[in-house]
Full PDB file with SEQRES, HELIX, SHEET, SSBOND, CRYST1, ORIGX, SCALE, CONECT and MASTER records, all heavy atoms in Angstrom:
SEQRES   1 A   43  ALA THR ASP ASP ASP LEU ASP ASN LEU SER THR LEU THR          
SEQRES   2 A   43  MET SER LEU GLU GLY VAL ASP CYS GLY ILE ILE LEU THR          
SEQRES   3 A   43  GLN ASN ARG GLY ASP GLY ARG TYR LYS VAL SER VAL ARG          
SEQRES   4 A   43  THR HIS LYS PRO                                              
HELIX    1 AA1 ASP A    4  LEU A    6  5                                   3    
HELIX    2 AA2 SER A   10  THR A   13  1                                   4    
SHEET    1 AA1 2 CYS A  21  GLN A  27  0                                        
SHEET    2 AA1 2 TYR A  34  THR A  40 -1                                        
CRYST1    1.000    1.000    1.000  90.00  90.00  90.00 P 1           1          
ORIGX1      1.000000  0.000000  0.000000        0.00000                         
ORIGX2      0.000000  1.000000  0.000000        0.00000                         
ORIGX3      0.000000  0.000000  1.000000        0.00000                         
SCALE1      1.000000  0.000000  0.000000        0.00000                         
SCALE2      0.000000  1.000000  0.000000        0.00000                         
SCALE3      0.000000  0.000000  1.000000        0.00000                         
ATOM      1  N   ALA A   1      29.086   5.353  -1.480  1.00  0.00           N  
ATOM      2  CA  ALA A   1      29.394   6.296  -2.550  1.00  0.00           C  
ATOM      3  C   ALA A   1      30.038   7.564  -1.992  1.00  0.00           C  
ATOM      4  O   ALA A   1      29.630   8.072  -0.950  1.00  0.00           O  
ATOM      5  CB  ALA A   1      28.122   6.662  -3.314  1.00  0.00           C  
ATOM      6  N   THR A   2      31.044   8.074  -2.686  1.00  0.00           N  
ATOM      7  CA  THR A   2      31.710   9.313  -2.308  1.00  0.00           C  
ATOM      8  C   THR A   2      31.301  10.430  -3.262  1.00  0.00           C  
ATOM      9  O   THR A   2      30.685  10.179  -4.309  1.00  0.00           O  
ATOM     10  CB  THR A   2      33.240   9.151  -2.364  1.00  0.00           C  
ATOM     11  OG1 THR A   2      33.640   8.967  -3.734  1.00  0.00           O  
ATOM     12  CG2 THR A   2      33.691   7.953  -1.531  1.00  0.00           C  
ATOM     13  N   ASP A   3      31.679  11.662  -2.937  1.00  0.00           N  
ATOM     14  CA  ASP A   3      31.383  12.780  -3.826  1.00  0.00           C  
ATOM     15  C   ASP A   3      32.072  12.610  -5.178  1.00  0.00           C  
ATOM     16  O   ASP A   3      31.546  13.026  -6.213  1.00  0.00           O  
ATOM     17  CB  ASP A   3      31.810  14.099  -3.176  1.00  0.00           C  
ATOM     18  CG  ASP A   3      30.857  14.542  -2.075  1.00  0.00           C  
ATOM     19  OD1 ASP A   3      29.737  13.993  -2.015  1.00  0.00           O  
ATOM     20  OD2 ASP A   3      31.222  15.421  -1.286  1.00  0.00           O  
ATOM     21  N   ASP A   4      33.273  12.018  -5.189  1.00  0.00           N  
ATOM     22  CA  ASP A   4      33.945  11.758  -6.456  1.00  0.00           C  
ATOM     23  C   ASP A   4      33.127  10.815  -7.330  1.00  0.00           C  
ATOM     24  O   ASP A   4      33.074  10.970  -8.558  1.00  0.00           O  
ATOM     25  CB  ASP A   4      35.335  11.148  -6.218  1.00  0.00           C  
ATOM     26  CG  ASP A   4      36.367  12.197  -5.843  1.00  0.00           C  
ATOM     27  OD1 ASP A   4      36.126  13.399  -6.092  1.00  0.00           O  
ATOM     28  OD2 ASP A   4      37.423  11.821  -5.289  1.00  0.00           O  
ATOM     29  N   ASP A   5      32.476   9.832  -6.713  1.00  0.00           N  
ATOM     30  CA  ASP A   5      31.653   8.885  -7.474  1.00  0.00           C  
ATOM     31  C   ASP A   5      30.438   9.569  -8.097  1.00  0.00           C  
ATOM     32  O   ASP A   5      29.887   9.074  -9.091  1.00  0.00           O  
ATOM     33  CB  ASP A   5      31.168   7.745  -6.571  1.00  0.00           C  
ATOM     34  CG  ASP A   5      32.297   6.869  -6.066  1.00  0.00           C  
ATOM     35  OD1 ASP A   5      33.208   6.570  -6.855  1.00  0.00           O  
ATOM     36  OD2 ASP A   5      32.268   6.493  -4.881  1.00  0.00           O  
ATOM     37  N   LEU A   6      30.010  10.691  -7.516  1.00  0.00           N  
ATOM     38  CA  LEU A   6      28.796  11.378  -7.979  1.00  0.00           C  
ATOM     39  C   LEU A   6      29.089  12.510  -8.951  1.00  0.00           C  
ATOM     40  O   LEU A   6      28.156  13.155  -9.446  1.00  0.00           O  
ATOM     41  CB  LEU A   6      28.042  11.945  -6.770  1.00  0.00           C  
ATOM     42  CG  LEU A   6      27.538  10.918  -5.759  1.00  0.00           C  
ATOM     43  CD1 LEU A   6      27.019  11.612  -4.513  1.00  0.00           C  
ATOM     44  CD2 LEU A   6      26.442  10.058  -6.373  1.00  0.00           C  
ATOM     45  N   ASP A   7      30.352  12.734  -9.248  1.00  0.00           N  
ATOM     46  CA  ASP A   7      30.735  13.890 -10.047  1.00  0.00           C  
ATOM     47  C   ASP A   7      30.238  13.774 -11.489  1.00  0.00           C  
ATOM     48  O   ASP A   7      30.377  12.729 -12.129  1.00  0.00           O  
ATOM     49  CB  ASP A   7      32.258  14.031 -10.037  1.00  0.00           C  
ATOM     50  CG  ASP A   7      32.724  15.361 -10.598  1.00  0.00           C  
ATOM     51  OD1 ASP A   7      32.021  16.365 -10.402  1.00  0.00           O  
ATOM     52  OD2 ASP A   7      33.788  15.391 -11.242  1.00  0.00           O  
ATOM     53  N   ASN A   8      29.651  14.865 -11.992  1.00  0.00           N  
ATOM     54  CA  ASN A   8      29.267  14.988 -13.409  1.00  0.00           C  
ATOM     55  C   ASN A   8      28.305  13.910 -13.898  1.00  0.00           C  
ATOM     56  O   ASN A   8      28.329  13.545 -15.069  1.00  0.00           O  
ATOM     57  CB  ASN A   8      30.514  14.994 -14.306  1.00  0.00           C  
ATOM     58  CG  ASN A   8      31.195  16.340 -14.320  1.00  0.00           C  
ATOM     59  OD1 ASN A   8      30.542  17.385 -14.233  1.00  0.00           O  
ATOM     60  ND2 ASN A   8      32.517  16.331 -14.417  1.00  0.00           N  
ATOM     61  N   LEU A   9      27.436  13.421 -13.049  1.00  0.00           N  
ATOM     62  CA  LEU A   9      26.455  12.425 -13.488  1.00  0.00           C  
ATOM     63  C   LEU A   9      25.504  12.979 -14.539  1.00  0.00           C  
ATOM     64  O   LEU A   9      25.079  12.263 -15.442  1.00  0.00           O  
ATOM     65  CB  LEU A   9      25.642  11.931 -12.287  1.00  0.00           C  
ATOM     66  CG  LEU A   9      26.287  10.865 -11.401  1.00  0.00           C  
ATOM     67  CD1 LEU A   9      25.420  10.622 -10.186  1.00  0.00           C  
ATOM     68  CD2 LEU A   9      26.490   9.570 -12.171  1.00  0.00           C  
ATOM     69  N   SER A  10      25.169  14.252 -14.411  1.00  0.00           N  
ATOM     70  CA  SER A  10      24.168  14.830 -15.309  1.00  0.00           C  
ATOM     71  C   SER A  10      24.629  14.854 -16.759  1.00  0.00           C  
ATOM     72  O   SER A  10      23.802  14.908 -17.678  1.00  0.00           O  
ATOM     73  CB  SER A  10      23.798  16.244 -14.863  1.00  0.00           C  
ATOM     74  OG  SER A  10      24.953  17.046 -14.746  1.00  0.00           O  
ATOM     75  N   THR A  11      25.938  14.800 -16.988  1.00  0.00           N  
ATOM     76  CA  THR A  11      26.415  14.811 -18.380  1.00  0.00           C  
ATOM     77  C   THR A  11      26.030  13.527 -19.107  1.00  0.00           C  
ATOM     78  O   THR A  11      25.918  13.524 -20.336  1.00  0.00           O  
ATOM     79  CB  THR A  11      27.941  14.987 -18.435  1.00  0.00           C  
ATOM     80  OG1 THR A  11      28.565  13.909 -17.723  1.00  0.00           O  
ATOM     81  CG2 THR A  11      28.357  16.299 -17.789  1.00  0.00           C  
ATOM     82  N   LEU A  12      25.801  12.438 -18.360  1.00  0.00           N  
ATOM     83  CA  LEU A  12      25.426  11.181 -19.008  1.00  0.00           C  
ATOM     84  C   LEU A  12      24.080  11.303 -19.716  1.00  0.00           C  
ATOM     85  O   LEU A  12      23.876  10.714 -20.778  1.00  0.00           O  
ATOM     86  CB  LEU A  12      25.357  10.064 -17.972  1.00  0.00           C  
ATOM     87  CG  LEU A  12      26.671   9.631 -17.323  1.00  0.00           C  
ATOM     88  CD1 LEU A  12      26.405   8.596 -16.242  1.00  0.00           C  
ATOM     89  CD2 LEU A  12      27.620   9.066 -18.368  1.00  0.00           C  
ATOM     90  N   THR A  13      23.158  12.061 -19.117  1.00  0.00           N  
ATOM     91  CA  THR A  13      21.834  12.190 -19.723  1.00  0.00           C  
ATOM     92  C   THR A  13      21.907  12.900 -21.070  1.00  0.00           C  
ATOM     93  O   THR A  13      21.075  12.661 -21.940  1.00  0.00           O  
ATOM     94  CB  THR A  13      20.894  12.973 -18.799  1.00  0.00           C  
ATOM     95  OG1 THR A  13      21.445  14.281 -18.560  1.00  0.00           O  
ATOM     96  CG2 THR A  13      20.730  12.267 -17.471  1.00  0.00           C  
ATOM     97  N   MET A  14      22.910  13.751 -21.249  1.00  0.00           N  
ATOM     98  CA  MET A  14      22.999  14.525 -22.482  1.00  0.00           C  
ATOM     99  C   MET A  14      23.572  13.718 -23.642  1.00  0.00           C  
ATOM    100  O   MET A  14      23.617  14.199 -24.770  1.00  0.00           O  
ATOM    101  CB  MET A  14      23.840  15.781 -22.249  1.00  0.00           C  
ATOM    102  CG  MET A  14      23.284  16.696 -21.177  1.00  0.00           C  
ATOM    103  SD  MET A  14      21.512  17.025 -21.380  1.00  0.00           S  
ATOM    104  CE  MET A  14      21.502  17.895 -22.931  1.00  0.00           C  
ATOM    105  N   SER A  15      24.016  12.497 -23.368  1.00  0.00           N  
ATOM    106  CA  SER A  15      24.488  11.639 -24.455  1.00  0.00           C  
ATOM    107  C   SER A  15      23.353  10.870 -25.103  1.00  0.00           C  
ATOM    108  O   SER A  15      23.555  10.165 -26.097  1.00  0.00           O  
ATOM    109  CB  SER A  15      25.555  10.665 -23.940  1.00  0.00           C  
ATOM    110  OG  SER A  15      25.014   9.794 -22.962  1.00  0.00           O  
ATOM    111  N   LEU A  16      22.134  11.000 -24.543  1.00  0.00           N  
ATOM    112  CA  LEU A  16      20.974  10.321 -25.106  1.00  0.00           C  
ATOM    113  C   LEU A  16      20.450  11.093 -26.315  1.00  0.00           C  
ATOM    114  O   LEU A  16      20.202  12.296 -26.244  1.00  0.00           O  
ATOM    115  CB  LEU A  16      19.874  10.208 -24.050  1.00  0.00           C  
ATOM    116  CG  LEU A  16      20.164   9.257 -22.898  1.00  0.00           C  
ATOM    117  CD1 LEU A  16      19.175   9.473 -21.768  1.00  0.00           C  
ATOM    118  CD2 LEU A  16      20.090   7.817 -23.368  1.00  0.00           C  
ATOM    119  N   GLU A  17      20.292  10.409 -27.405  1.00  0.00           N  
ATOM    120  CA  GLU A  17      19.830  11.050 -28.639  1.00  0.00           C  
ATOM    121  C   GLU A  17      18.427  11.629 -28.455  1.00  0.00           C  
ATOM    122  O   GLU A  17      17.540  10.975 -27.904  1.00  0.00           O  
ATOM    123  CB  GLU A  17      19.823  10.030 -29.783  1.00  0.00           C  
ATOM    124  CG  GLU A  17      19.526  10.630 -31.147  1.00  0.00           C  
ATOM    125  CD  GLU A  17      19.653   9.611 -32.264  1.00  0.00           C  
ATOM    126  OE1 GLU A  17      19.935   8.435 -31.977  1.00  0.00           O  
ATOM    127  OE2 GLU A  17      19.482  10.005 -33.429  1.00  0.00           O  
ATOM    128  N   GLY A  18      18.234  12.872 -28.898  1.00  0.00           N  
ATOM    129  CA  GLY A  18      16.938  13.517 -28.817  1.00  0.00           C  
ATOM    130  C   GLY A  18      16.660  14.249 -27.519  1.00  0.00           C  
ATOM    131  O   GLY A  18      15.643  14.933 -27.399  1.00  0.00           O  
ATOM    132  N   VAL A  19      17.551  14.124 -26.524  1.00  0.00           N  
ATOM    133  CA  VAL A  19      17.351  14.790 -25.226  1.00  0.00           C  
ATOM    134  C   VAL A  19      17.980  16.178 -25.250  1.00  0.00           C  
ATOM    135  O   VAL A  19      19.160  16.332 -25.571  1.00  0.00           O  
ATOM    136  CB  VAL A  19      17.958  13.948 -24.079  1.00  0.00           C  
ATOM    137  CG1 VAL A  19      17.979  14.747 -22.781  1.00  0.00           C  
ATOM    138  CG2 VAL A  19      17.167  12.667 -23.893  1.00  0.00           C  
ATOM    139  N   ASP A  20      17.188  17.195 -24.940  1.00  0.00           N  
ATOM    140  CA  ASP A  20      17.672  18.576 -24.862  1.00  0.00           C  
ATOM    141  C   ASP A  20      17.929  19.020 -23.430  1.00  0.00           C  
ATOM    142  O   ASP A  20      18.616  20.013 -23.196  1.00  0.00           O  
ATOM    143  CB  ASP A  20      16.656  19.538 -25.484  1.00  0.00           C  
ATOM    144  CG  ASP A  20      16.531  19.359 -26.987  1.00  0.00           C  
ATOM    145  OD1 ASP A  20      17.528  18.960 -27.617  1.00  0.00           O  
ATOM    146  OD2 ASP A  20      15.431  19.592 -27.519  1.00  0.00           O  
ATOM    147  N   CYS A  21      17.350  18.314 -22.449  1.00  0.00           N  
ATOM    148  CA  CYS A  21      17.491  18.707 -21.051  1.00  0.00           C  
ATOM    149  C   CYS A  21      17.588  17.458 -20.176  1.00  0.00           C  
ATOM    150  O   CYS A  21      16.677  16.621 -20.190  1.00  0.00           O  
ATOM    151  CB  CYS A  21      16.297  19.559 -20.617  1.00  0.00           C  
ATOM    152  SG  CYS A  21      16.329  20.057 -18.878  1.00  0.00           S  
ATOM    153  N   GLY A  22      18.698  17.334 -19.443  1.00  0.00           N  
ATOM    154  CA  GLY A  22      18.884  16.218 -18.535  1.00  0.00           C  
ATOM    155  C   GLY A  22      18.928  16.699 -17.100  1.00  0.00           C  
ATOM    156  O   GLY A  22      19.621  17.674 -16.783  1.00  0.00           O  
ATOM    157  N   ILE A  23      18.184  16.035 -16.218  1.00  0.00           N  
ATOM    158  CA  ILE A  23      18.061  16.453 -14.816  1.00  0.00           C  
ATOM    159  C   ILE A  23      18.391  15.275 -13.904  1.00  0.00           C  
ATOM    160  O   ILE A  23      17.798  14.201 -14.039  1.00  0.00           O  
ATOM    161  CB  ILE A  23      16.636  16.955 -14.507  1.00  0.00           C  
ATOM    162  CG1 ILE A  23      16.251  18.108 -15.446  1.00  0.00           C  
ATOM    163  CG2 ILE A  23      16.516  17.379 -13.049  1.00  0.00           C  
ATOM    164  CD1 ILE A  23      14.787  18.498 -15.364  1.00  0.00           C  
ATOM    165  N   ILE A  24      19.337  15.481 -13.003  1.00  0.00           N  
ATOM    166  CA  ILE A  24      19.692  14.461 -12.016  1.00  0.00           C  
ATOM    167  C   ILE A  24      19.476  15.035 -10.618  1.00  0.00           C  
ATOM    168  O   ILE A  24      19.949  16.123 -10.306  1.00  0.00           O  
ATOM    169  CB  ILE A  24      21.159  14.012 -12.161  1.00  0.00           C  
ATOM    170  CG1 ILE A  24      21.409  13.449 -13.556  1.00  0.00           C  
ATOM    171  CG2 ILE A  24      21.509  12.979 -11.087  1.00  0.00           C  
ATOM    172  CD1 ILE A  24      20.602  12.206 -13.870  1.00  0.00           C  
ATOM    173  N   LEU A  25      18.753  14.287  -9.775  1.00  0.00           N  
ATOM    174  CA  LEU A  25      18.513  14.682  -8.390  1.00  0.00           C  
ATOM    175  C   LEU A  25      19.266  13.727  -7.475  1.00  0.00           C  
ATOM    176  O   LEU A  25      19.095  12.507  -7.565  1.00  0.00           O  
ATOM    177  CB  LEU A  25      17.022  14.638  -8.062  1.00  0.00           C  
ATOM    178  CG  LEU A  25      16.108  15.577  -8.858  1.00  0.00           C  
ATOM    179  CD1 LEU A  25      15.561  14.864 -10.092  1.00  0.00           C  
ATOM    180  CD2 LEU A  25      14.950  16.057  -7.993  1.00  0.00           C  
ATOM    181  N   THR A  26      20.093  14.278  -6.604  1.00  0.00           N  
ATOM    182  CA  THR A  26      20.865  13.483  -5.658  1.00  0.00           C  
ATOM    183  C   THR A  26      20.515  13.931  -4.245  1.00  0.00           C  
ATOM    184  O   THR A  26      20.670  15.108  -3.913  1.00  0.00           O  
ATOM    185  CB  THR A  26      22.378  13.664  -5.894  1.00  0.00           C  
ATOM    186  OG1 THR A  26      22.683  13.384  -7.269  1.00  0.00           O  
ATOM    187  CG2 THR A  26      23.175  12.726  -5.004  1.00  0.00           C  
ATOM    188  N   GLN A  27      20.047  13.018  -3.423  1.00  0.00           N  
ATOM    189  CA  GLN A  27      19.590  13.384  -2.084  1.00  0.00           C  
ATOM    190  C   GLN A  27      20.764  13.737  -1.180  1.00  0.00           C  
ATOM    191  O   GLN A  27      21.765  13.016  -1.118  1.00  0.00           O  
ATOM    192  CB  GLN A  27      18.784  12.252  -1.467  1.00  0.00           C  
ATOM    193  CG  GLN A  27      18.040  12.660  -0.205  1.00  0.00           C  
ATOM    194  CD  GLN A  27      17.103  11.577   0.279  1.00  0.00           C  
ATOM    195  OE1 GLN A  27      17.333  10.390   0.050  1.00  0.00           O  
ATOM    196  NE2 GLN A  27      16.029  11.979   0.943  1.00  0.00           N  
ATOM    197  N   ASN A  28      20.631  14.860  -0.488  1.00  0.00           N  
ATOM    198  CA  ASN A  28      21.654  15.301   0.447  1.00  0.00           C  
ATOM    199  C   ASN A  28      21.688  14.419   1.683  1.00  0.00           C  
ATOM    200  O   ASN A  28      20.678  13.824   2.071  1.00  0.00           O  
ATOM    201  CB  ASN A  28      21.383  16.745   0.900  1.00  0.00           C  
ATOM    202  CG  ASN A  28      21.542  17.743  -0.210  1.00  0.00           C  
ATOM    203  OD1 ASN A  28      22.246  17.501  -1.188  1.00  0.00           O  
ATOM    204  ND2 ASN A  28      20.888  18.883  -0.080  1.00  0.00           N  
ATOM    205  N   ARG A  29      22.832  14.383   2.302  1.00  0.00           N  
ATOM    206  CA  ARG A  29      22.953  13.730   3.604  1.00  0.00           C  
ATOM    207  C   ARG A  29      22.508  14.737   4.675  1.00  0.00           C  
ATOM    208  O   ARG A  29      22.897  15.877   4.650  1.00  0.00           O  
ATOM    209  CB  ARG A  29      24.390  13.288   3.837  1.00  0.00           C  
ATOM    210  CG  ARG A  29      24.605  12.528   5.142  1.00  0.00           C  
ATOM    211  CD  ARG A  29      26.041  12.082   5.283  1.00  0.00           C  
ATOM    212  NE  ARG A  29      26.345  10.942   4.420  1.00  0.00           N  
ATOM    213  CZ  ARG A  29      27.065  11.014   3.308  1.00  0.00           C  
ATOM    214  NH1 ARG A  29      27.548  12.179   2.911  1.00  0.00           N  
ATOM    215  NH2 ARG A  29      27.301   9.949   2.568  1.00  0.00           N  
ATOM    216  N   GLY A  30      21.658  14.328   5.583  1.00  0.00           N  
ATOM    217  CA  GLY A  30      21.258  15.217   6.676  1.00  0.00           C  
ATOM    218  C   GLY A  30      19.864  15.776   6.486  1.00  0.00           C  
ATOM    219  O   GLY A  30      18.912  15.320   7.119  1.00  0.00           O  
ATOM    220  N   ASP A  31      19.696  16.763   5.589  1.00  0.00           N  
ATOM    221  CA  ASP A  31      18.391  17.422   5.475  1.00  0.00           C  
ATOM    222  C   ASP A  31      17.424  16.696   4.547  1.00  0.00           C  
ATOM    223  O   ASP A  31      16.234  17.039   4.500  1.00  0.00           O  
ATOM    224  CB  ASP A  31      18.551  18.886   5.057  1.00  0.00           C  
ATOM    225  CG  ASP A  31      19.126  19.058   3.653  1.00  0.00           C  
ATOM    226  OD1 ASP A  31      19.269  18.061   2.924  1.00  0.00           O  
ATOM    227  OD2 ASP A  31      19.429  20.215   3.283  1.00  0.00           O  
ATOM    228  N   GLY A  32      17.889  15.713   3.786  1.00  0.00           N  
ATOM    229  CA  GLY A  32      17.002  14.935   2.942  1.00  0.00           C  
ATOM    230  C   GLY A  32      16.542  15.627   1.679  1.00  0.00           C  
ATOM    231  O   GLY A  32      15.785  15.054   0.886  1.00  0.00           O  
ATOM    232  N   ARG A  33      16.971  16.868   1.470  1.00  0.00           N  
ATOM    233  CA  ARG A  33      16.594  17.579   0.249  1.00  0.00           C  
ATOM    234  C   ARG A  33      17.395  17.025  -0.936  1.00  0.00           C  
ATOM    235  O   ARG A  33      18.324  16.240  -0.752  1.00  0.00           O  
ATOM    236  CB  ARG A  33      16.836  19.076   0.411  1.00  0.00           C  
ATOM    237  CG  ARG A  33      16.123  19.686   1.609  1.00  0.00           C  
ATOM    238  CD  ARG A  33      16.413  21.177   1.705  1.00  0.00           C  
ATOM    239  NE  ARG A  33      15.644  21.934   0.736  1.00  0.00           N  
ATOM    240  CZ  ARG A  33      15.968  23.162   0.315  1.00  0.00           C  
ATOM    241  NH1 ARG A  33      17.073  23.744   0.757  1.00  0.00           N  
ATOM    242  NH2 ARG A  33      15.208  23.803  -0.552  1.00  0.00           N  
ATOM    243  N   TYR A  34      17.018  17.442  -2.146  1.00  0.00           N  
ATOM    244  CA  TYR A  34      17.676  16.927  -3.337  1.00  0.00           C  
ATOM    245  C   TYR A  34      18.479  18.019  -4.038  1.00  0.00           C  
ATOM    246  O   TYR A  34      17.957  19.091  -4.345  1.00  0.00           O  
ATOM    247  CB  TYR A  34      16.647  16.334  -4.308  1.00  0.00           C  
ATOM    248  CG  TYR A  34      16.150  14.976  -3.870  1.00  0.00           C  
ATOM    249  CD1 TYR A  34      15.112  14.856  -2.956  1.00  0.00           C  
ATOM    250  CD2 TYR A  34      16.759  13.812  -4.343  1.00  0.00           C  
ATOM    251  CE1 TYR A  34      14.673  13.613  -2.534  1.00  0.00           C  
ATOM    252  CE2 TYR A  34      16.326  12.563  -3.930  1.00  0.00           C  
ATOM    253  CZ  TYR A  34      15.284  12.468  -3.028  1.00  0.00           C  
ATOM    254  OH  TYR A  34      14.857  11.237  -2.612  1.00  0.00           O  
ATOM    255  N   LYS A  35      19.748  17.717  -4.261  1.00  0.00           N  
ATOM    256  CA  LYS A  35      20.601  18.584  -5.068  1.00  0.00           C  
ATOM    257  C   LYS A  35      20.310  18.270  -6.535  1.00  0.00           C  
ATOM    258  O   LYS A  35      20.356  17.116  -6.957  1.00  0.00           O  
ATOM    259  CB  LYS A  35      22.071  18.326  -4.763  1.00  0.00           C  
ATOM    260  CG  LYS A  35      23.045  19.101  -5.629  1.00  0.00           C  
ATOM    261  CD  LYS A  35      24.480  18.735  -5.281  1.00  0.00           C  
ATOM    262  CE  LYS A  35      25.471  19.472  -6.173  1.00  0.00           C  
ATOM    263  NZ  LYS A  35      25.450  18.967  -7.569  1.00  0.00           N  
ATOM    264  N   VAL A  36      19.988  19.299  -7.303  1.00  0.00           N  
ATOM    265  CA  VAL A  36      19.578  19.126  -8.693  1.00  0.00           C  
ATOM    266  C   VAL A  36      20.679  19.643  -9.622  1.00  0.00           C  
ATOM    267  O   VAL A  36      21.173  20.760  -9.450  1.00  0.00           O  
ATOM    268  CB  VAL A  36      18.270  19.893  -8.979  1.00  0.00           C  
ATOM    269  CG1 VAL A  36      17.846  19.692 -10.431  1.00  0.00           C  
ATOM    270  CG2 VAL A  36      17.172  19.437  -8.029  1.00  0.00           C  
ATOM    271  N   SER A  37      21.051  18.822 -10.590  1.00  0.00           N  
ATOM    272  CA  SER A  37      21.982  19.240 -11.637  1.00  0.00           C  
ATOM    273  C   SER A  37      21.247  19.180 -12.967  1.00  0.00           C  
ATOM    274  O   SER A  37      20.653  18.152 -13.307  1.00  0.00           O  
ATOM    275  CB  SER A  37      23.211  18.329 -11.689  1.00  0.00           C  
ATOM    276  OG  SER A  37      23.978  18.448 -10.515  1.00  0.00           O  
ATOM    277  N   VAL A  38      21.265  20.283 -13.695  1.00  0.00           N  
ATOM    278  CA  VAL A  38      20.567  20.375 -14.978  1.00  0.00           C  
ATOM    279  C   VAL A  38      21.577  20.665 -16.079  1.00  0.00           C  
ATOM    280  O   VAL A  38      22.403  21.573 -15.944  1.00  0.00           O  
ATOM    281  CB  VAL A  38      19.490  21.486 -14.948  1.00  0.00           C  
ATOM    282  CG1 VAL A  38      18.769  21.556 -16.296  1.00  0.00           C  
ATOM    283  CG2 VAL A  38      18.497  21.242 -13.822  1.00  0.00           C  
ATOM    284  N   ARG A  39      21.512  19.895 -17.144  1.00  0.00           N  
ATOM    285  CA  ARG A  39      22.351  20.126 -18.327  1.00  0.00           C  
ATOM    286  C   ARG A  39      21.434  20.236 -19.529  1.00  0.00           C  
ATOM    287  O   ARG A  39      20.432  19.507 -19.625  1.00  0.00           O  
ATOM    288  CB  ARG A  39      23.351  18.985 -18.532  1.00  0.00           C  
ATOM    289  CG  ARG A  39      24.358  18.822 -17.403  1.00  0.00           C  
ATOM    290  CD  ARG A  39      25.323  19.993 -17.335  1.00  0.00           C  
ATOM    291  NE  ARG A  39      26.338  19.806 -16.320  1.00  0.00           N  
ATOM    292  CZ  ARG A  39      26.230  20.175 -15.055  1.00  0.00           C  
ATOM    293  NH1 ARG A  39      25.104  20.751 -14.638  1.00  0.00           N  
ATOM    294  NH2 ARG A  39      27.207  19.978 -14.205  1.00  0.00           N  
ATOM    295  N   THR A  40      21.759  21.128 -20.459  1.00  0.00           N  
ATOM    296  CA  THR A  40      20.881  21.352 -21.604  1.00  0.00           C  
ATOM    297  C   THR A  40      21.660  21.522 -22.896  1.00  0.00           C  
ATOM    298  O   THR A  40      22.846  21.853 -22.898  1.00  0.00           O  
ATOM    299  CB  THR A  40      20.022  22.620 -21.410  1.00  0.00           C  
ATOM    300  OG1 THR A  40      20.893  23.760 -21.275  1.00  0.00           O  
ATOM    301  CG2 THR A  40      19.117  22.511 -20.203  1.00  0.00           C  
ATOM    302  N   HIS A  41      20.969  21.273 -23.999  1.00  0.00           N  
ATOM    303  CA  HIS A  41      21.391  21.711 -25.315  1.00  0.00           C  
ATOM    304  C   HIS A  41      20.493  22.879 -25.713  1.00  0.00           C  
ATOM    305  O   HIS A  41      19.401  23.047 -25.165  1.00  0.00           O  
ATOM    306  CB  HIS A  41      21.229  20.588 -26.353  1.00  0.00           C  
ATOM    307  CG  HIS A  41      22.119  19.403 -26.123  1.00  0.00           C  
ATOM    308  ND1 HIS A  41      23.470  19.526 -25.896  1.00  0.00           N  
ATOM    309  CD2 HIS A  41      21.847  18.064 -26.090  1.00  0.00           C  
ATOM    310  CE1 HIS A  41      24.001  18.327 -25.733  1.00  0.00           C  
ATOM    311  NE2 HIS A  41      23.043  17.423 -25.839  1.00  0.00           N  
ATOM    312  N   LYS A  42      20.937  23.692 -26.663  1.00  0.00           N  
ATOM    313  CA  LYS A  42      20.084  24.762 -27.165  1.00  0.00           C  
ATOM    314  C   LYS A  42      18.827  24.150 -27.765  1.00  0.00           C  
ATOM    315  O   LYS A  42      18.873  23.089 -28.374  1.00  0.00           O  
ATOM    316  CB  LYS A  42      20.835  25.558 -28.243  1.00  0.00           C  
ATOM    317  CG  LYS A  42      22.012  26.364 -27.706  1.00  0.00           C  
ATOM    318  CD  LYS A  42      22.692  27.137 -28.828  1.00  0.00           C  
ATOM    319  CE  LYS A  42      23.874  27.953 -28.284  1.00  0.00           C  
ATOM    320  NZ  LYS A  42      24.559  28.689 -29.357  1.00  0.00           N  
ATOM    321  N   PRO A  43      17.650  24.792 -27.591  1.00  0.00           N  
ATOM    322  CA  PRO A  43      17.418  26.127 -27.036  1.00  0.00           C  
ATOM    323  C   PRO A  43      17.088  26.131 -25.532  1.00  0.00           C  
ATOM    324  O   PRO A  43      16.814  27.177 -24.979  1.00  0.00           O  
ATOM    325  CB  PRO A  43      16.195  26.591 -27.823  1.00  0.00           C  
ATOM    326  CG  PRO A  43      15.404  25.326 -28.016  1.00  0.00           C  
ATOM    327  CD  PRO A  43      16.430  24.233 -28.218  1.00  0.00           C  
TER     328      PRO A  43                                                      
MASTER        0    0    0    2    2    0    0    6  327    1    0    4          
END                                                                             
């Protein structure tokens, strides 16, 4: 997988009916930590 393949994944969660907050965690290469992307609808 490349960075282009990982682009804007979190927007997919927001297409789910009834979801106000979508969270995607992608593990970094090297330090093993997780990059978090959060997308929300109001409120």
